PDB file of N, CA and C in Angstrom:
ATOM      1  N   UNK A   1      54.203  78.223  52.340  1.00  0.00           N
ATOM      2  CA  UNK A   1      54.534  78.974  51.177  1.00  0.00           C
ATOM      3  C   UNK A   1      53.375  78.674  50.248  1.00  0.00           C
ATOM      4  N   UNK A   2      52.742  79.632  49.727  1.00  0.00           N
ATOM      5  CA  UNK A   2      52.156  80.116  48.374  1.00  0.00           C
ATOM      6  C   UNK A   2      52.462  80.537  47.153  1.00  0.00           C
ATOM      7  N   UNK A   3      51.751  81.198  45.924  1.00  0.00           N
ATOM      8  CA  UNK A   3      52.913  81.063  44.958  1.00  0.00           C
ATOM      9  C   UNK A   3      52.891  83.222  45.386  1.00  0.00           C
ATOM     10  N   UNK A   4      51.925  83.425  45.742  1.00  0.00           N
ATOM     11  CA  UNK A   4      52.363  85.246  46.290  1.00  0.00           C
ATOM     12  C   UNK A   4      53.595  85.510  47.322  1.00  0.00           C
ATOM     13  N   UNK A   5      53.829  84.452  48.188  1.00  0.00           N
ATOM     14  CA  UNK A   5      55.153  84.432  48.765  1.00  0.00           C
ATOM     15  C   UNK A   5      56.516  83.870  48.645  1.00  0.00           C
ATOM     16  N   UNK A   6      56.226  83.030  47.387  1.00  0.00           N
ATOM     17  CA  UNK A   6      57.201  82.661  46.820  1.00  0.00           C
ATOM     18  C   UNK A   6      57.883  83.816  46.215  1.00  0.00           C
ATOM     19  N   UNK A   7      57.137  84.529  45.001  1.00  0.00           N
ATOM     20  CA  UNK A   7      57.391  85.333  44.345  1.00  0.00           C
ATOM     21  C   UNK A   7      58.048  86.732  45.212  1.00  0.00           C
ATOM     22  N   UNK A   8      57.552  87.318  46.332  1.00  0.00           N
ATOM     23  CA  UNK A   8      58.148  87.911  47.119  1.00  0.00           C
ATOM     24  C   UNK A   8      59.359  87.458  47.145  1.00  0.00           C
ATOM     25  N   UNK A   9      59.281  86.110  48.310  1.00  0.00           N
ATOM     26  CA  UNK A   9      60.952  85.262  48.615  1.00  0.00           C
ATOM     27  C   UNK A   9      61.500  85.527  47.533  1.00  0.00           C
ATOM     28  N   UNK A  10      61.459  85.482  45.947  1.00  0.00           N
ATOM     29  CA  UNK A  10      62.226  85.585  45.160  1.00  0.00           C
ATOM     30  C   UNK A  10      62.893  86.753  45.290  1.00  0.00           C
ATOM     31  N   UNK A  11      61.751  87.902  44.909  1.00  0.00           N
ATOM     32  CA  UNK A  11      62.313  89.646  45.053  1.00  0.00           C
ATOM     33  C   UNK A  11      63.141  89.606  45.717  1.00  0.00           C
ATOM     34  N   UNK A  12      63.128  89.396  47.185  1.00  0.00           N
ATOM     35  CA  UNK A  12      63.903  89.484  48.344  1.00  0.00           C
ATOM     36  C   UNK A  12      65.232  89.032  47.812  1.00  0.00           C
ATOM     37  N   UNK A  13      64.905  87.732  47.876  1.00  0.00           N
ATOM     38  CA  UNK A  13      66.744  87.347  47.220  1.00  0.00           C
ATOM     39  C   UNK A  13      68.108  87.697  45.823  1.00  0.00           C
ATOM     40  N   UNK A  14      66.693  88.441  45.487  1.00  0.00           N
ATOM     41  CA  UNK A  14      67.635  89.038  44.398  1.00  0.00           C
ATOM     42  C   UNK A  14      67.628  88.508  42.980  1.00  0.00           C
ATOM     43  N   UNK A  15      66.502  87.656  42.977  1.00  0.00           N
ATOM     44  CA  UNK A  15      66.704  86.900  41.564  1.00  0.00           C
ATOM     45  C   UNK A  15      65.882  87.531  40.444  1.00  0.00           C
ATOM     46  N   UNK A  16      66.573  88.177  39.298  1.00  0.00           N
ATOM     47  CA  UNK A  16      66.246  89.031  38.550  1.00  0.00           C
ATOM     48  C   UNK A  16      64.869  88.228  38.028  1.00  0.00           C
ATOM     49  N   UNK A  17      64.216  89.196  37.749  1.00  0.00           N
ATOM     50  CA  UNK A  17      62.623  88.916  37.382  1.00  0.00           C
ATOM     51  C   UNK A  17      62.752  88.105  36.334  1.00  0.00           C
ATOM     52  N   UNK A  18      63.558  88.036  35.020  1.00  0.00           N
ATOM     53  CA  UNK A  18      63.374  87.351  33.638  1.00  0.00           C
ATOM     54  C   UNK A  18      63.608  85.808  33.831  1.00  0.00           C
ATOM     55  N   UNK A  19      63.932  85.469  35.193  1.00  0.00           N
ATOM     56  CA  UNK A  19      64.952  84.089  35.375  1.00  0.00           C
ATOM     57  C   UNK A  19      63.102  82.938  35.795  1.00  0.00           C
ATOM     58  N   UNK A  20      62.189  83.959  36.064  1.00  0.00           N
ATOM     59  CA  UNK A  20      61.048  82.528  36.441  1.00  0.00           C
ATOM     60  C   UNK A  20      59.765  83.282  36.063  1.00  0.00           C
ATOM     61  N   UNK A  21      58.923  82.646  36.171  1.00  0.00           N
ATOM     62  CA  UNK A  21      57.445  82.941  35.756  1.00  0.00           C
ATOM     63  C   UNK A  21      56.347  82.127  36.573  1.00  0.00           C
ATOM     64  N   UNK A  22      55.483  83.017  37.333  1.00  0.00           N
ATOM     65  CA  UNK A  22      54.814  82.474  38.246  1.00  0.00           C
ATOM     66  C   UNK A  22      53.376  82.774  38.025  1.00  0.00           C
ATOM     67  N   UNK A  23      52.331  81.432  37.381  1.00  0.00           N
ATOM     68  CA  UNK A  23      51.299  81.414  37.080  1.00  0.00           C
ATOM     69  C   UNK A  23      50.504  82.531  37.812  1.00  0.00           C
ATOM     70  N   UNK A  24      49.525  83.909  36.744  1.00  0.00           N
ATOM     71  CA  UNK A  24      49.094  84.639  37.643  1.00  0.00           C
ATOM     72  C   UNK A  24      49.639  85.970  38.633  1.00  0.00           C
ATOM     73  N   UNK A  25      50.727  85.174  38.735  1.00  0.00           N
ATOM     74  CA  UNK A  25      51.454  86.192  39.782  1.00  0.00           C
ATOM     75  C   UNK A  25      52.691  87.108  39.815  1.00  0.00           C
ATOM     76  N   UNK A  26      53.867  86.270  38.538  1.00  0.00           N
ATOM     77  CA  UNK A  26      55.017  86.581  37.993  1.00  0.00           C
ATOM     78  C   UNK A  26      54.640  86.866  36.631  1.00  0.00           C
ATOM     79  N   UNK A  27      54.468  87.450  35.580  1.00  0.00           N
ATOM     80  CA  UNK A  27      54.133  86.889  34.159  1.00  0.00           C
ATOM     81  C   UNK A  27      55.328  88.268  33.446  1.00  0.00           C
ATOM     82  N   UNK A  28      56.184  88.213  33.622  1.00  0.00           N
ATOM     83  CA  UNK A  28      57.627  89.353  33.234  1.00  0.00           C
ATOM     84  C   UNK A  28      56.921  89.678  31.363  1.00  0.00           C
ATOM     85  N   UNK A  29      56.648  90.978  31.396  1.00  0.00           N
ATOM     86  CA  UNK A  29      56.336  91.037  29.993  1.00  0.00           C
ATOM     87  C   UNK A  29      57.654  92.173  29.348  1.00  0.00           C
ATOM     88  N   UNK A  30      58.405  92.098  28.471  1.00  0.00           N
ATOM     89  CA  UNK A  30      58.114  90.597  27.509  1.00  0.00           C
ATOM     90  C   UNK A  30      58.469  89.812  27.799  1.00  0.00           C
ATOM     91  N   UNK A  31      58.158  88.574  27.484  1.00  0.00           N
ATOM     92  CA  UNK A  31      58.051  87.160  27.954  1.00  0.00           C
ATOM     93  C   UNK A  31      59.702  86.806  27.492  1.00  0.00           C
ATOM     94  N   UNK A  32      60.483  86.499  28.543  1.00  0.00           N
ATOM     95  CA  UNK A  32      62.284  86.144  28.448  1.00  0.00           C
ATOM     96  C   UNK A  32      61.588  84.795  26.923  1.00  0.00           C
ATOM     97  N   UNK A  33      62.848  84.484  26.861  1.00  0.00           N
ATOM     98  CA  UNK A  33      63.313  83.578  26.054  1.00  0.00           C
ATOM     99  C   UNK A  33      63.219  82.520  26.599  1.00  0.00           C
ATOM    100  N   UNK A  34      63.678  82.022  27.694  1.00  0.00           N
ATOM    101  CA  UNK A  34      64.062  81.191  28.707  1.00  0.00           C
ATOM    102  C   UNK A  34      63.946  81.431  30.002  1.00  0.00           C
ATOM    103  N   UNK A  35      63.223  80.548  30.782  1.00  0.00           N
ATOM    104  CA  UNK A  35      63.067  80.628  32.498  1.00  0.00           C
ATOM    105  C   UNK A  35      62.255  79.576  33.149  1.00  0.00           C
ATOM    106  N   UNK A  36      62.321  79.304  34.378  1.00  0.00           N
ATOM    107  CA  UNK A  36      61.430  78.721  35.034  1.00  0.00           C
ATOM    108  C   UNK A  36      60.130  79.291  35.583  1.00  0.00           C
ATOM    109  N   UNK A  37      59.597  78.144  35.650  1.00  0.00           N
ATOM    110  CA  UNK A  37      58.170  78.064  35.642  1.00  0.00           C
ATOM    111  C   UNK A  37      57.266  77.473  36.525  1.00  0.00           C
ATOM    112  N   UNK A  38      56.370  77.776  37.218  1.00  0.00           N
ATOM    113  CA  UNK A  38      55.690  77.114  37.977  1.00  0.00           C
ATOM    114  C   UNK A  38      53.851  77.753  37.535  1.00  0.00           C
ATOM    115  N   UNK A  39      53.257  76.705  37.159  1.00  0.00           N
ATOM    116  CA  UNK A  39      51.678  76.882  36.816  1.00  0.00           C
ATOM    117  C   UNK A  39      50.654  75.544  37.565  1.00  0.00           C
ATOM    118  N   UNK A  40      49.887  75.893  37.358  1.00  0.00           N
ATOM    119  CA  UNK A  40      48.555  74.842  37.541  1.00  0.00           C
ATOM    120  C   UNK A  40      48.039  74.088  36.448  1.00  0.00           C
ATOM    121  N   UNK A  41      47.461  72.770  36.432  1.00  0.00           N
ATOM    122  CA  UNK A  41      47.767  71.920  35.492  1.00  0.00           C
ATOM    123  C   UNK A  41      45.896  71.890  35.850  1.00  0.00           C
ATOM    124  N   UNK A  42      45.582  71.672  34.993  1.00  0.00           N
ATOM    125  CA  UNK A  42      43.535  71.793  34.613  1.00  0.00           C
ATOM    126  C   UNK A  42      43.364  70.742  35.582  1.00  0.00           C
ATOM    127  N   UNK A  43      44.300  69.302  35.892  1.00  0.00           N
ATOM    128  CA  UNK A  43      43.797  68.517  36.662  1.00  0.00           C
ATOM    129  C   UNK A  43      43.689  69.299  37.993  1.00  0.00           C
ATOM    130  N   UNK A  44      44.472  70.161  39.115  1.00  0.00           N
ATOM    131  CA  UNK A  44      44.429  70.660  39.934  1.00  0.00           C
ATOM    132  C   UNK A  44      46.240  70.253  40.596  1.00  0.00           C
ATOM    133  N   UNK A  45      46.742  69.910  39.727  1.00  0.00           N
ATOM    134  CA  UNK A  45      48.275  69.900  40.332  1.00  0.00           C
ATOM    135  C   UNK A  45      48.960  70.668  40.202  1.00  0.00           C
ATOM    136  N   UNK A  46      49.768  70.897  40.236  1.00  0.00           N
ATOM    137  CA  UNK A  46      51.158  71.959  40.540  1.00  0.00           C
ATOM    138  C   UNK A  46      51.896  71.412  39.437  1.00  0.00           C
ATOM    139  N   UNK A  47      52.573  71.948  38.873  1.00  0.00           N
ATOM    140  CA  UNK A  47      53.826  71.983  37.808  1.00  0.00           C
ATOM    141  C   UNK A  47      55.290  73.235  37.865  1.00  0.00           C
ATOM    142  N   UNK A  48      56.465  72.242  37.687  1.00  0.00           N
ATOM    143  CA  UNK A  48      57.518  73.446  37.434  1.00  0.00           C
ATOM    144  C   UNK A  48      57.946  72.542  36.484  1.00  0.00           C
ATOM    145  N   UNK A  49      59.156  73.256  36.187  1.00  0.00           N
ATOM    146  CA  UNK A  49      59.696  73.334  34.302  1.00  0.00           C
ATOM    147  C   UNK A  49      60.586  74.472  34.233  1.00  0.00           C
ATOM    148  N   UNK A  50      60.806  74.116  33.036  1.00  0.00           N
ATOM    149  CA  UNK A  50      61.487  75.048  32.482  1.00  0.00           C
ATOM    150  C   UNK A  50      60.936  75.186  30.932  1.00  0.00           C
ATOM    151  N   UNK A  51      61.063  76.561  30.752  1.00  0.00           N
ATOM    152  CA  UNK A  51      60.636  77.070  28.822  1.00  0.00           C
ATOM    153  C   UNK A  51      61.084  77.628  28.495  1.00  0.00           C
ATOM    154  N   UNK A  52      61.953  76.843  27.072  1.00  0.00           N
ATOM    155  CA  UNK A  52      62.937  76.947  26.633  1.00  0.00           C
ATOM    156  C   UNK A  52      62.330  76.766  24.979  1.00  0.00           C
ATOM    157  N   UNK A  53      62.873  77.433  24.167  1.00  0.00           N
ATOM    158  CA  UNK A  53      63.201  77.928  22.582  1.00  0.00           C
ATOM    159  C   UNK A  53      61.188  77.503  22.114  1.00  0.00           C
ATOM    160  N   UNK A  54      60.368  78.222  23.319  1.00  0.00           N
ATOM    161  CA  UNK A  54      59.236  78.494  22.717  1.00  0.00           C
ATOM    162  C   UNK A  54      58.458  77.168  23.345  1.00  0.00           C
ATOM    163  N   UNK A  55      58.772  76.633  24.339  1.00  0.00           N
ATOM    164  CA  UNK A  55      58.715  74.898  24.982  1.00  0.00           C
ATOM    165  C   UNK A  55      58.190  75.284  26.014  1.00  0.00           C
ATOM    166  N   UNK A  56      57.089  74.250  26.890  1.00  0.00           N
ATOM    167  CA  UNK A  56      56.965  74.564  28.166  1.00  0.00           C
ATOM    168  C   UNK A  56      57.852  72.720  28.584  1.00  0.00           C
ATOM    169  N   UNK A  57      58.932  72.957  29.100  1.00  0.00           N
ATOM    170  CA  UNK A  57      58.908  71.095  29.341  1.00  0.00           C
ATOM    171  C   UNK A  57      59.383  70.732  31.056  1.00  0.00           C
ATOM    172  N   UNK A  58      58.356  70.179  31.411  1.00  0.00           N
ATOM    173  CA  UNK A  58      58.213  69.727  32.747  1.00  0.00           C
ATOM    174  C   UNK A  58      59.180  69.320  33.375  1.00  0.00           C
ATOM    175  N   UNK A  59      59.653  69.573  34.553  1.00  0.00           N
ATOM    176  CA  UNK A  59      60.500  68.866  35.684  1.00  0.00           C
ATOM    177  C   UNK A  59      60.221  67.958  36.344  1.00  0.00           C
ATOM    178  N   UNK A  60      58.811  68.558  37.320  1.00  0.00           N
ATOM    179  CA  UNK A  60      58.358  68.205  38.199  1.00  0.00           C
ATOM    180  C   UNK A  60      56.748  67.980  38.540  1.00  0.00           C
ATOM    181  N   UNK A  61      55.930  67.689  38.953  1.00  0.00           N
ATOM    182  CA  UNK A  61      54.862  67.833  39.540  1.00  0.00           C
ATOM    183  C   UNK A  61      54.366  67.506  40.746  1.00  0.00           C
ATOM    184  N   UNK A  62      53.428  68.397  41.070  1.00  0.00           N
ATOM    185  CA  UNK A  62      53.499  68.522  43.067  1.00  0.00           C
ATOM    186  C   UNK A  62      51.760  68.682  42.716  1.00  0.00           C
ATOM    187  N   UNK A  63      51.614  67.650  43.843  1.00  0.00           N
ATOM    188  CA  UNK A  63      50.177  67.762  44.864  1.00  0.00           C
ATOM    189  C   UNK A  63      49.364  68.843  45.230  1.00  0.00           C
ATOM    190  N   UNK A  64      50.484  69.495  45.612  1.00  0.00           N
ATOM    191  CA  UNK A  64      50.244  70.905  46.135  1.00  0.00           C
ATOM    192  C   UNK A  64      50.893  72.199  45.607  1.00  0.00           C
ATOM    193  N   UNK A  65      50.190  73.443  45.824  1.00  0.00           N
ATOM    194  CA  UNK A  65      50.793  74.237  45.880  1.00  0.00           C
ATOM    195  C   UNK A  65      52.090  74.683  46.602  1.00  0.00           C
ATOM    196  N   UNK A  66      52.539  74.211  48.045  1.00  0.00           N
ATOM    197  CA  UNK A  66      53.193  74.427  48.914  1.00  0.00           C
ATOM    198  C   UNK A  66      54.103  73.709  48.034  1.00  0.00           C
ATOM    199  N   UNK A  67      54.335  72.555  48.074  1.00  0.00           N
ATOM    200  CA  UNK A  67      55.363  71.201  47.052  1.00  0.00           C
ATOM    201  C   UNK A  67      55.916  72.232  46.078  1.00  0.00           C
ATOM    202  N   UNK A  68      55.183  72.604  45.142  1.00  0.00           N
ATOM    203  CA  UNK A  68      55.768  73.639  44.107  1.00  0.00           C
ATOM    204  C   UNK A  68      56.389  74.651  44.332  1.00  0.00           C
ATOM    205  N   UNK A  69      55.844  75.273  45.135  1.00  0.00           N
ATOM    206  CA  UNK A  69      56.370  76.742  45.812  1.00  0.00           C
ATOM    207  C   UNK A  69      57.840  76.153  46.121  1.00  0.00           C
ATOM    208  N   UNK A  70      58.039  75.176  46.957  1.00  0.00           N
ATOM    209  CA  UNK A  70      59.494  74.791  47.430  1.00  0.00           C
ATOM    210  C   UNK A  70      60.319  73.804  46.565  1.00  0.00           C
ATOM    211  N   UNK A  71      59.729  73.539  45.316  1.00  0.00           N
ATOM    212  CA  UNK A  71      60.753  73.280  44.558  1.00  0.00           C
ATOM    213  C   UNK A  71      61.191  74.454  43.544  1.00  0.00           C
ATOM    214  N   UNK A  72      60.636  75.058  43.201  1.00  0.00           N
ATOM    215  CA  UNK A  72      61.018  76.376  42.259  1.00  0.00           C
ATOM    216  C   UNK A  72      62.341  77.387  43.375  1.00  0.00           C
ATOM    217  N   UNK A  73      61.783  77.875  44.710  1.00  0.00           N
ATOM    218  CA  UNK A  73      62.448  78.026  45.187  1.00  0.00           C
ATOM    219  C   UNK A  73      64.008  77.638  45.204  1.00  0.00           C
ATOM    220  N   UNK A  74      63.921  76.057  45.456  1.00  0.00           N
ATOM    221  CA  UNK A  74      65.042  75.508  45.275  1.00  0.00           C
ATOM    222  C   UNK A  74      65.928  75.263  43.920  1.00  0.00           C
ATOM    223  N   UNK A  75      64.947  75.649  43.173  1.00  0.00           N
ATOM    224  CA  UNK A  75      65.731  75.810  41.848  1.00  0.00           C
ATOM    225  C   UNK A  75      66.889  76.837  41.490  1.00  0.00           C
ATOM    226  N   UNK A  76      65.615  78.322  42.000  1.00  0.00           N
ATOM    227  CA  UNK A  76      66.390  79.601  41.866  1.00  0.00           C
ATOM    228  C   UNK A  76      67.205  79.916  42.661  1.00  0.00           C
ATOM    229  N   UNK A  77      67.577  79.770  43.622  1.00  0.00           N
ATOM    230  CA  UNK A  77      68.294  79.617  44.979  1.00  0.00           C
ATOM    231  C   UNK A  77      69.960  79.297  45.007  1.00  0.00           C
TER     232      UNK A  77
END
């Protein structure tokens, strides 16, 4: 699963748009005050985490996009 497929799966599952943010694919505006996120890091790894009170708080780093997508999906289901 890639980030586009993840976004589609979350929408189909009825996860509210403001609960998650996927870099470059699903970036709600205005930005919700807190949400779970998935983003690519400068070193090429992927990070899942929680954005709370104006700060990104990493939960896990992943070597592949597929692993990061699976993790975010498990957090939101």
